[in-house]
PDB file of N, CA and C in Angstrom:
ATOM      1  N   MET A   1     112.174  85.442   9.110  1.00  0.00           N
ATOM      2  CA  MET A   1     111.475  86.414   9.928  1.00  0.00           C
ATOM      3  C   MET A   1     111.496  87.746   9.183  1.00  0.00           C
ATOM      4  N   SER A   2     110.373  88.410   9.161  1.00  0.00           N
ATOM      5  CA  SER A   2     110.277  89.677   8.434  1.00  0.00           C
ATOM      6  C   SER A   2     111.049  90.776   9.168  1.00  0.00           C
ATOM      7  N   VAL A   3     111.441  91.775   8.403  1.00  0.00           N
ATOM      8  CA  VAL A   3     112.173  92.912   8.971  1.00  0.00           C
ATOM      9  C   VAL A   3     111.294  93.628   9.985  1.00  0.00           C
ATOM     10  N   ARG A   4     110.021  93.737   9.696  1.00  0.00           N
ATOM     11  CA  ARG A   4     109.091  94.420  10.618  1.00  0.00           C
ATOM     12  C   ARG A   4     109.015  93.710  11.970  1.00  0.00           C
ATOM     13  N   LYS A   5     108.898  92.369  11.921  1.00  0.00           N
ATOM     14  CA  LYS A   5     108.823  91.610  13.169  1.00  0.00           C
ATOM     15  C   LYS A   5     110.152  91.679  13.923  1.00  0.00           C
ATOM     16  N   GLU A   6     111.251  91.638  13.194  1.00  0.00           N
ATOM     17  CA  GLU A   6     112.568  91.744  13.834  1.00  0.00           C
ATOM     18  C   GLU A   6     112.727  93.090  14.546  1.00  0.00           C
ATOM     19  N   ARG A   7     112.268  94.163  13.909  1.00  0.00           N
ATOM     20  CA  ARG A   7     112.337  95.491  14.531  1.00  0.00           C
ATOM     21  C   ARG A   7     111.451  95.563  15.765  1.00  0.00           C
ATOM     22  N   LEU A   8     110.271  94.967  15.690  1.00  0.00           N
ATOM     23  CA  LEU A   8     109.379  94.926  16.843  1.00  0.00           C
ATOM     24  C   LEU A   8     110.055  94.205  18.010  1.00  0.00           C
ATOM     25  N   LEU A   9     110.708  93.093  17.725  1.00  0.00           N
ATOM     26  CA  LEU A   9     111.390  92.349  18.779  1.00  0.00           C
ATOM     27  C   LEU A   9     112.548  93.153  19.377  1.00  0.00           C
ATOM     28  N   VAL A  10     113.262  93.898  18.542  1.00  0.00           N
ATOM     29  CA  VAL A  10     114.341  94.745  19.053  1.00  0.00           C
ATOM     30  C   VAL A  10     113.769  95.791  20.007  1.00  0.00           C
ATOM     31  N   VAL A  11     112.665  96.408  19.617  1.00  0.00           N
ATOM     32  CA  VAL A  11     112.014  97.407  20.474  1.00  0.00           C
ATOM     33  C   VAL A  11     111.562  96.765  21.784  1.00  0.00           C
ATOM     34  N   LEU A  12     110.996  95.581  21.707  1.00  0.00           N
ATOM     35  CA  LEU A  12     110.540  94.893  22.917  1.00  0.00           C
ATOM     36  C   LEU A  12     111.703  94.523  23.838  1.00  0.00           C
ATOM     37  N   VAL A  13     112.805  94.097  23.262  1.00  0.00           N
ATOM     38  CA  VAL A  13     113.984  93.775  24.077  1.00  0.00           C
ATOM     39  C   VAL A  13     114.507  95.036  24.754  1.00  0.00           C
ATOM     40  N   LEU A  14     114.635  96.115  23.993  1.00  0.00           N
ATOM     41  CA  LEU A  14     115.119  97.372  24.576  1.00  0.00           C
ATOM     42  C   LEU A  14     114.165  97.893  25.646  1.00  0.00           C
ATOM     43  N   LEU A  15     112.863  97.758  25.419  1.00  0.00           N
ATOM     44  CA  LEU A  15     111.880  98.165  26.419  1.00  0.00           C
ATOM     45  C   LEU A  15     112.046  97.348  27.690  1.00  0.00           C
ATOM     46  N   ASN A  16     112.182  96.031  27.542  1.00  0.00           N
ATOM     47  CA  ASN A  16     112.339  95.174  28.717  1.00  0.00           C
ATOM     48  C   ASN A  16     113.630  95.466  29.463  1.00  0.00           C
ATOM     49  N   LEU A  17     114.714  95.699  28.751  1.00  0.00           N
ATOM     50  CA  LEU A  17     115.969  96.029  29.423  1.00  0.00           C
ATOM     51  C   LEU A  17     115.860  97.377  30.139  1.00  0.00           C
ATOM     52  N   SER A  18     115.173  98.322  29.516  1.00  0.00           N
ATOM     53  CA  SER A  18     114.956  99.628  30.153  1.00  0.00           C
ATOM     54  C   SER A  18     114.107  99.493  31.410  1.00  0.00           C
ATOM     55  N   LEU A  19     113.086  98.653  31.351  1.00  0.00           N
ATOM     56  CA  LEU A  19     112.249  98.426  32.525  1.00  0.00           C
ATOM     57  C   LEU A  19     113.039  97.764  33.652  1.00  0.00           C
ATOM     58  N   GLN A  20     113.959  96.886  33.321  1.00  0.00           N
ATOM     59  CA  GLN A  20     114.803  96.271  34.343  1.00  0.00           C
ATOM     60  C   GLN A  20     115.689  97.323  35.005  1.00  0.00           C
ATOM     61  N   LEU A  21     116.263  98.193  34.202  1.00  0.00           N
ATOM     62  CA  LEU A  21     117.092  99.268  34.746  1.00  0.00           C
ATOM     63  C   LEU A  21     116.259 100.180  35.646  1.00  0.00           C
ATOM     64  N   PHE A  22     115.080 100.581  35.160  1.00  0.00           N
ATOM     65  CA  PHE A  22     114.193 101.419  35.972  1.00  0.00           C
ATOM     66  C   PHE A  22     113.839 100.729  37.280  1.00  0.00           C
ATOM     67  N   ASP A  23     113.471  99.457  37.200  1.00  0.00           N
ATOM     68  CA  ASP A  23     113.062  98.731  38.400  1.00  0.00           C
ATOM     69  C   ASP A  23     114.202  98.655  39.408  1.00  0.00           C
ATOM     70  N   GLY A  24     115.407  98.402  38.943  1.00  0.00           N
ATOM     71  CA  GLY A  24     116.542  98.331  39.854  1.00  0.00           C
ATOM     72  C   GLY A  24     116.809  99.657  40.550  1.00  0.00           C
ATOM     73  N   VAL A  25     116.827 100.729  39.780  1.00  0.00           N
ATOM     74  CA  VAL A  25     117.076 102.053  40.361  1.00  0.00           C
ATOM     75  C   VAL A  25     115.923 102.461  41.275  1.00  0.00           C
ATOM     76  N   ALA A  26     114.688 102.260  40.819  1.00  0.00           N
ATOM     77  CA  ALA A  26     113.530 102.643  41.633  1.00  0.00           C
ATOM     78  C   ALA A  26     113.470 101.831  42.919  1.00  0.00           C
ATOM     79  N   THR A  27     113.780 100.553  42.835  1.00  0.00           N
ATOM     80  CA  THR A  27     113.778  99.724  44.040  1.00  0.00           C
ATOM     81  C   THR A  27     114.844 100.210  45.017  1.00  0.00           C
ATOM     82  N   TYR A  28     116.018 100.522  44.523  1.00  0.00           N
ATOM     83  CA  TYR A  28     117.082 101.025  45.389  1.00  0.00           C
ATOM     84  C   TYR A  28     116.669 102.334  46.062  1.00  0.00           C
ATOM     85  N   LEU A  29     116.098 103.247  45.270  1.00  0.00           N
ATOM     86  CA  LEU A  29     115.625 104.518  45.836  1.00  0.00           C
ATOM     87  C   LEU A  29     114.487 104.293  46.822  1.00  0.00           C
ATOM     88  N   GLY A  30     113.580 103.394  46.480  1.00  0.00           N
ATOM     89  CA  GLY A  30     112.466 103.089  47.375  1.00  0.00           C
ATOM     90  C   GLY A  30     112.936 102.486  48.684  1.00  0.00           C
ATOM     91  N   LEU A  31     113.895 101.568  48.617  1.00  0.00           N
ATOM     92  CA  LEU A  31     114.437 100.977  49.838  1.00  0.00           C
ATOM     93  C   LEU A  31     115.128 102.043  50.679  1.00  0.00           C
ATOM     94  N   SER A  32     115.840 102.941  50.013  1.00  0.00           N
ATOM     95  CA  SER A  32     116.511 104.041  50.733  1.00  0.00           C
ATOM     96  C   SER A  32     115.513 104.972  51.403  1.00  0.00           C
ATOM     97  N   ALA A  33     114.317 105.074  50.827  1.00  0.00           N
ATOM     98  CA  ALA A  33     113.275 105.942  51.380  1.00  0.00           C
ATOM     99  C   ALA A  33     112.437 105.232  52.442  1.00  0.00           C
ATOM    100  N   GLY A  34     112.735 103.953  52.685  1.00  0.00           N
ATOM    101  CA  GLY A  34     112.022 103.234  53.735  1.00  0.00           C
ATOM    102  C   GLY A  34     110.936 102.290  53.258  1.00  0.00           C
ATOM    103  N   TYR A  35     110.752 102.157  51.944  1.00  0.00           N
ATOM    104  CA  TYR A  35     109.771 101.210  51.432  1.00  0.00           C
ATOM    105  C   TYR A  35     110.325  99.792  51.498  1.00  0.00           C
ATOM    106  N   ALA A  36     109.429  98.819  51.537  1.00  0.00           N
ATOM    107  CA  ALA A  36     109.830  97.414  51.578  1.00  0.00           C
ATOM    108  C   ALA A  36     109.703  96.810  50.187  1.00  0.00           C
ATOM    109  N   GLU A  37     110.481  95.783  49.932  1.00  0.00           N
ATOM    110  CA  GLU A  37     110.406  95.046  48.666  1.00  0.00           C
ATOM    111  C   GLU A  37     109.236  94.080  48.735  1.00  0.00           C
ATOM    112  N   GLY A  38     108.418  94.064  47.702  1.00  0.00           N
ATOM    113  CA  GLY A  38     107.234  93.217  47.681  1.00  0.00           C
ATOM    114  C   GLY A  38     107.482  91.795  47.209  1.00  0.00           C
ATOM    115  N   ASN A  39     108.533  91.571  46.450  1.00  0.00           N
ATOM    116  CA  ASN A  39     108.842  90.238  45.940  1.00  0.00           C
ATOM    117  C   ASN A  39     109.628  89.478  47.008  1.00  0.00           C
ATOM    118  N   PRO A  40     109.081  88.365  47.517  1.00  0.00           N
ATOM    119  CA  PRO A  40     109.756  87.650  48.599  1.00  0.00           C
ATOM    120  C   PRO A  40     111.135  87.106  48.215  1.00  0.00           C
ATOM    121  N   LEU A  41     111.328  86.719  46.957  1.00  0.00           N
ATOM    122  CA  LEU A  41     112.640  86.225  46.543  1.00  0.00           C
ATOM    123  C   LEU A  41     113.675  87.348  46.544  1.00  0.00           C
ATOM    124  N   VAL A  42     113.280  88.500  46.049  1.00  0.00           N
ATOM    125  CA  VAL A  42     114.188  89.649  46.044  1.00  0.00           C
ATOM    126  C   VAL A  42     114.419  90.119  47.482  1.00  0.00           C
ATOM    127  N   ALA A  43     113.383  90.109  48.294  1.00  0.00           N
ATOM    128  CA  ALA A  43     113.533  90.509  49.704  1.00  0.00           C
ATOM    129  C   ALA A  43     114.525  89.601  50.420  1.00  0.00           C
ATOM    130  N   ALA A  44     114.489  88.300  50.134  1.00  0.00           N
ATOM    131  CA  ALA A  44     115.438  87.370  50.746  1.00  0.00           C
ATOM    132  C   ALA A  44     116.859  87.678  50.282  1.00  0.00           C
ATOM    133  N   ALA A  45     117.010  87.961  49.007  1.00  0.00           N
ATOM    134  CA  ALA A  45     118.340  88.321  48.484  1.00  0.00           C
ATOM    135  C   ALA A  45     118.826  89.623  49.115  1.00  0.00           C
ATOM    136  N   LEU A  46     117.921  90.576  49.288  1.00  0.00           N
ATOM    137  CA  LEU A  46     118.287  91.845  49.927  1.00  0.00           C
ATOM    138  C   LEU A  46     118.775  91.618  51.353  1.00  0.00           C
ATOM    139  N   ALA A  47     118.079  90.766  52.096  1.00  0.00           N
ATOM    140  CA  ALA A  47     118.452  90.486  53.479  1.00  0.00           C
ATOM    141  C   ALA A  47     119.802  89.773  53.554  1.00  0.00           C
ATOM    142  N   ARG A  48     120.056  88.938  52.588  1.00  0.00           N
ATOM    143  CA  ARG A  48     121.283  88.138  52.610  1.00  0.00           C
ATOM    144  C   ARG A  48     122.497  88.892  52.073  1.00  0.00           C
ATOM    145  N   LEU A  49     122.303  89.669  50.983  1.00  0.00           N
ATOM    146  CA  LEU A  49     123.437  90.279  50.281  1.00  0.00           C
ATOM    147  C   LEU A  49     123.583  91.777  50.495  1.00  0.00           C
ATOM    148  N   GLY A  50     122.487  92.430  50.887  1.00  0.00           N
ATOM    149  CA  GLY A  50     122.489  93.888  50.933  1.00  0.00           C
ATOM    150  C   GLY A  50     121.848  94.435  49.662  1.00  0.00           C
ATOM    151  N   ALA A  51     121.485  95.702  49.696  1.00  0.00           N
ATOM    152  CA  ALA A  51     120.688  96.286  48.607  1.00  0.00           C
ATOM    153  C   ALA A  51     121.400  96.264  47.261  1.00  0.00           C
ATOM    154  N   ALA A  52     122.552  96.880  47.165  1.00  0.00           N
ATOM    155  CA  ALA A  52     123.210  97.013  45.855  1.00  0.00           C
ATOM    156  C   ALA A  52     123.598  95.660  45.251  1.00  0.00           C
ATOM    157  N   PRO A  53     124.277  94.771  45.990  1.00  0.00           N
ATOM    158  CA  PRO A  53     124.632  93.479  45.385  1.00  0.00           C
ATOM    159  C   PRO A  53     123.411  92.637  45.011  1.00  0.00           C
ATOM    160  N   ALA A  54     122.401  92.656  45.854  1.00  0.00           N
ATOM    161  CA  ALA A  54     121.203  91.855  45.561  1.00  0.00           C
ATOM    162  C   ALA A  54     120.490  92.382  44.318  1.00  0.00           C
ATOM    163  N   LEU A  55     120.292  93.691  44.265  1.00  0.00           N
ATOM    164  CA  LEU A  55     119.595  94.259  43.107  1.00  0.00           C
ATOM    165  C   LEU A  55     120.399  94.067  41.830  1.00  0.00           C
ATOM    166  N   LEU A  56     121.700  94.239  41.902  1.00  0.00           N
ATOM    167  CA  LEU A  56     122.535  94.028  40.725  1.00  0.00           C
ATOM    168  C   LEU A  56     122.430  92.579  40.244  1.00  0.00           C
ATOM    169  N   SER A  57     122.481  91.638  41.175  1.00  0.00           N
ATOM    170  CA  SER A  57     122.375  90.217  40.815  1.00  0.00           C
ATOM    171  C   SER A  57     121.019  89.887  40.203  1.00  0.00           C
ATOM    172  N   VAL A  58     119.965  90.342  40.843  1.00  0.00           N
ATOM    173  CA  VAL A  58     118.615  90.043  40.368  1.00  0.00           C
ATOM    174  C   VAL A  58     118.359  90.678  39.002  1.00  0.00           C
ATOM    175  N   LYS A  59     118.785  91.914  38.824  1.00  0.00           N
ATOM    176  CA  LYS A  59     118.553  92.614  37.557  1.00  0.00           C
ATOM    177  C   LYS A  59     119.418  92.035  36.434  1.00  0.00           C
ATOM    178  N   LEU A  60     120.653  91.631  36.746  1.00  0.00           N
ATOM    179  CA  LEU A  60     121.476  90.985  35.720  1.00  0.00           C
ATOM    180  C   LEU A  60     120.856  89.657  35.286  1.00  0.00           C
ATOM    181  N   PHE A  61     120.309  88.907  36.240  1.00  0.00           N
ATOM    182  CA  PHE A  61     119.629  87.655  35.902  1.00  0.00           C
ATOM    183  C   PHE A  61     118.416  87.920  35.009  1.00  0.00           C
ATOM    184  N   ALA A  62     117.624  88.926  35.363  1.00  0.00           N
ATOM    185  CA  ALA A  62     116.437  89.259  34.565  1.00  0.00           C
ATOM    186  C   ALA A  62     116.833  89.703  33.157  1.00  0.00           C
ATOM    187  N   CYS A  63     117.888  90.506  33.053  1.00  0.00           N
ATOM    188  CA  CYS A  63     118.358  90.947  31.727  1.00  0.00           C
ATOM    189  C   CYS A  63     118.861  89.758  30.919  1.00  0.00           C
ATOM    190  N   ALA A  64     119.536  88.826  31.571  1.00  0.00           N
ATOM    191  CA  ALA A  64     119.996  87.620  30.882  1.00  0.00           C
ATOM    192  C   ALA A  64     118.810  86.822  30.352  1.00  0.00           C
ATOM    193  N   CYS A  65     117.745  86.738  31.126  1.00  0.00           N
ATOM    194  CA  CYS A  65     116.544  86.023  30.671  1.00  0.00           C
ATOM    195  C   CYS A  65     115.932  86.696  29.439  1.00  0.00           C
ATOM    196  N   VAL A  66     115.894  88.016  29.443  1.00  0.00           N
ATOM    197  CA  VAL A  66     115.386  88.759  28.276  1.00  0.00           C
ATOM    198  C   VAL A  66     116.249  88.451  27.060  1.00  0.00           C
ATOM    199  N   LEU A  67     117.551  88.437  27.233  1.00  0.00           N
ATOM    200  CA  LEU A  67     118.452  88.173  26.111  1.00  0.00           C
ATOM    201  C   LEU A  67     118.361  86.727  25.634  1.00  0.00           C
ATOM    202  N   ILE A  68     118.055  85.802  26.527  1.00  0.00           N
ATOM    203  CA  ILE A  68     117.828  84.413  26.114  1.00  0.00           C
ATOM    204  C   ILE A  68     116.587  84.330  25.241  1.00  0.00           C
ATOM    205  N   VAL A  69     115.531  85.028  25.631  1.00  0.00           N
ATOM    206  CA  VAL A  69     114.316  85.055  24.795  1.00  0.00           C
ATOM    207  C   VAL A  69     114.657  85.646  23.429  1.00  0.00           C
ATOM    208  N   TRP A  70     115.469  86.700  23.409  1.00  0.00           N
ATOM    209  CA  TRP A  70     115.904  87.304  22.143  1.00  0.00           C
ATOM    210  C   TRP A  70     116.621  86.262  21.272  1.00  0.00           C
ATOM    211  N   GLN A  71     117.502  85.474  21.881  1.00  0.00           N
ATOM    212  CA  GLN A  71     118.238  84.463  21.129  1.00  0.00           C
ATOM    213  C   GLN A  71     117.320  83.369  20.579  1.00  0.00           C
ATOM    214  N   LEU A  72     116.227  83.119  21.256  1.00  0.00           N
ATOM    215  CA  LEU A  72     115.293  82.064  20.830  1.00  0.00           C
ATOM    216  C   LEU A  72     114.244  82.559  19.835  1.00  0.00           C
ATOM    217  N   ARG A  73     114.312  83.825  19.451  1.00  0.00           N
ATOM    218  CA  ARG A  73     113.257  84.434  18.636  1.00  0.00           C
ATOM    219  C   ARG A  73     113.033  83.724  17.310  1.00  0.00           C
ATOM    220  N   ARG A  74     114.035  83.144  16.723  1.00  0.00           N
ATOM    221  CA  ARG A  74     113.869  82.482  15.411  1.00  0.00           C
ATOM    222  C   ARG A  74     113.358  81.057  15.538  1.00  0.00           C
ATOM    223  N   ARG A  75     113.456  80.497  16.742  1.00  0.00           N
ATOM    224  CA  ARG A  75     113.020  79.125  16.957  1.00  0.00           C
ATOM    225  C   ARG A  75     111.655  79.023  17.612  1.00  0.00           C
ATOM    226  N   SER A  76     111.162  80.124  18.136  1.00  0.00           N
ATOM    227  CA  SER A  76     109.903  80.058  18.869  1.00  0.00           C
ATOM    228  C   SER A  76     109.004  81.235  18.519  1.00  0.00           C
ATOM    229  N   VAL A  77     107.752  80.934  18.257  1.00  0.00           N
ATOM    230  CA  VAL A  77     106.775  81.992  18.004  1.00  0.00           C
ATOM    231  C   VAL A  77     106.357  82.671  19.307  1.00  0.00           C
ATOM    232  N   LEU A  78     106.825  82.150  20.426  1.00  0.00           N
ATOM    233  CA  LEU A  78     106.453  82.708  21.728  1.00  0.00           C
ATOM    234  C   LEU A  78     107.375  83.831  22.186  1.00  0.00           C
ATOM    235  N   ALA A  79     108.411  84.148  21.423  1.00  0.00           N
ATOM    236  CA  ALA A  79     109.347  85.198  21.847  1.00  0.00           C
ATOM    237  C   ALA A  79     108.639  86.541  21.991  1.00  0.00           C
ATOM    238  N   ALA A  80     107.912  86.956  20.978  1.00  0.00           N
ATOM    239  CA  ALA A  80     107.218  88.255  21.047  1.00  0.00           C
ATOM    240  C   ALA A  80     106.179  88.278  22.166  1.00  0.00           C
ATOM    241  N   PRO A  81     105.301  87.265  22.265  1.00  0.00           N
ATOM    242  CA  PRO A  81     104.344  87.288  23.377  1.00  0.00           C
ATOM    243  C   PRO A  81     105.020  87.285  24.746  1.00  0.00           C
ATOM    244  N   ALA A  82     106.130  86.575  24.887  1.00  0.00           N
ATOM    245  CA  ALA A  82     106.841  86.553  26.173  1.00  0.00           C
ATOM    246  C   ALA A  82     107.396  87.934  26.502  1.00  0.00           C
ATOM    247  N   LEU A  83     107.968  88.610  25.519  1.00  0.00           N
ATOM    248  CA  LEU A  83     108.518  89.946  25.754  1.00  0.00           C
ATOM    249  C   LEU A  83     107.415  90.962  26.041  1.00  0.00           C
ATOM    250  N   ILE A  84     106.288  90.822  25.374  1.00  0.00           N
ATOM    251  CA  ILE A  84     105.152  91.712  25.634  1.00  0.00           C
ATOM    252  C   ILE A  84     104.622  91.479  27.046  1.00  0.00           C
ATOM    253  N   ALA A  85     104.449  90.211  27.419  1.00  0.00           N
ATOM    254  CA  ALA A  85     103.929  89.887  28.752  1.00  0.00           C
ATOM    255  C   ALA A  85     104.873  90.382  29.844  1.00  0.00           C
ATOM    256  N   THR A  86     106.163  90.221  29.627  1.00  0.00           N
ATOM    257  CA  THR A  86     107.138  90.680  30.616  1.00  0.00           C
ATOM    258  C   THR A  86     107.112  92.191  30.754  1.00  0.00           C
ATOM    259  N   ALA A  87     107.036  92.884  29.621  1.00  0.00           N
ATOM    260  CA  ALA A  87     106.972  94.354  29.670  1.00  0.00           C
ATOM    261  C   ALA A  87     105.707  94.818  30.390  1.00  0.00           C
ATOM    262  N   LEU A  88     104.587  94.185  30.114  1.00  0.00           N
ATOM    263  CA  LEU A  88     103.341  94.546  30.795  1.00  0.00           C
ATOM    264  C   LEU A  88     103.432  94.260  32.289  1.00  0.00           C
ATOM    265  N   ALA A  89     103.983  93.112  32.645  1.00  0.00           N
ATOM    266  CA  ALA A  89     104.100  92.753  34.055  1.00  0.00           C
ATOM    267  C   ALA A  89     104.977  93.751  34.802  1.00  0.00           C
ATOM    268  N   TYR A  90     106.079  94.155  34.205  1.00  0.00           N
ATOM    269  CA  TYR A  90     106.953  95.119  34.877  1.00  0.00           C
ATOM    270  C   TYR A  90     106.363  96.520  34.896  1.00  0.00           C
ATOM    271  N   THR A  91     105.608  96.860  33.887  1.00  0.00           N
ATOM    272  CA  THR A  91     104.953  98.168  33.890  1.00  0.00           C
ATOM    273  C   THR A  91     103.893  98.227  34.979  1.00  0.00           C
ATOM    274  N   ILE A  92     103.080  97.178  35.068  1.00  0.00           N
ATOM    275  CA  ILE A  92     101.991  97.141  36.052  1.00  0.00           C
ATOM    276  C   ILE A  92     102.522  96.874  37.468  1.00  0.00           C
ATOM    277  N   GLY A  93     103.465  95.946  37.594  1.00  0.00           N
ATOM    278  CA  GLY A  93     103.909  95.528  38.911  1.00  0.00           C
ATOM    279  C   GLY A  93     105.095  96.278  39.470  1.00  0.00           C
ATOM    280  N   SER A  94     105.756  97.080  38.642  1.00  0.00           N
ATOM    281  CA  SER A  94     106.939  97.786  39.124  1.00  0.00           C
ATOM    282  C   SER A  94     106.925  99.262  38.763  1.00  0.00           C
ATOM    283  N   ALA A  95     106.897  99.557  37.483  1.00  0.00           N
ATOM    284  CA  ALA A  95     107.019 100.955  37.056  1.00  0.00           C
ATOM    285  C   ALA A  95     105.896 101.823  37.614  1.00  0.00           C
ATOM    286  N   ALA A  96     104.674 101.357  37.512  1.00  0.00           N
ATOM    287  CA  ALA A  96     103.546 102.157  38.010  1.00  0.00           C
ATOM    288  C   ALA A  96     103.590 102.328  39.535  1.00  0.00           C
ATOM    289  N   PRO A  97     103.732 101.237  40.315  1.00  0.00           N
ATOM    290  CA  PRO A  97     103.763 101.422  41.773  1.00  0.00           C
ATOM    291  C   PRO A  97     104.958 102.232  42.261  1.00  0.00           C
ATOM    292  N   TRP A  98     106.152 101.958  41.733  1.00  0.00           N
ATOM    293  CA  TRP A  98     107.316 102.723  42.177  1.00  0.00           C
ATOM    294  C   TRP A  98     107.224 104.184  41.770  1.00  0.00           C
ATOM    295  N   SER A  99     106.699 104.451  40.583  1.00  0.00           N
ATOM    296  CA  SER A  99     106.537 105.843  40.162  1.00  0.00           C
ATOM    297  C   SER A  99     105.591 106.580  41.113  1.00  0.00           C
ATOM    298  N   ALA A 100     104.489 105.929  41.455  1.00  0.00           N
ATOM    299  CA  ALA A 100     103.538 106.558  42.374  1.00  0.00           C
ATOM    300  C   ALA A 100     104.137 106.742  43.766  1.00  0.00           C
ATOM    301  N   ALA A 101     104.829 105.717  44.253  1.00  0.00           N
ATOM    302  CA  ALA A 101     105.411 105.791  45.599  1.00  0.00           C
ATOM    303  C   ALA A 101     106.504 106.850  45.665  1.00  0.00           C
ATOM    304  N   LEU A 102     107.366 106.876  44.667  1.00  0.00           N
ATOM    305  CA  LEU A 102     108.468 107.844  44.693  1.00  0.00           C
ATOM    306  C   LEU A 102     107.992 109.261  44.404  1.00  0.00           C
ATOM    307  N   ALA A 103     106.905 109.398  43.651  1.00  0.00           N
ATOM    308  CA  ALA A 103     106.358 110.734  43.402  1.00  0.00           C
ATOM    309  C   ALA A 103     105.762 111.310  44.679  1.00  0.00           C
ATOM    310  N   ALA A 104     105.201 110.442  45.524  1.00  0.00           N
ATOM    311  CA  ALA A 104     104.616 110.884  46.784  1.00  0.00           C
ATOM    312  C   ALA A 104     105.690 111.202  47.815  1.00  0.00           C
ATOM    313  N   PHE A 105     106.892 110.738  47.596  1.00  0.00           N
ATOM    314  CA  PHE A 105     107.990 110.944  48.534  1.00  0.00           C
ATOM    315  C   PHE A 105     108.512 112.324  48.371  1.00  0.00           C
TER     316      PHE A 105
END
């Protein structure tokens, strides 16, 4: 694997981990402000465990998945596309909506 591609993957992993951190904090703040969670699986975990334990569990699982993709980077050409798709999904489905909602608060 080229040094350039390896650096790109490092940036993508760090971006995805940062987005997970942002999503967890923004979701916690949003829930505290009275917003509802849009993901039914996360909403079920929130109802069962409470906000902090549920978000910590869900975000740790998501970070573990990102790190698994990182570990598979040398065996699969899909590592970079998966990290790009995940970053886009979290930017569109989490960072943008939570930023707008919390800015209006």
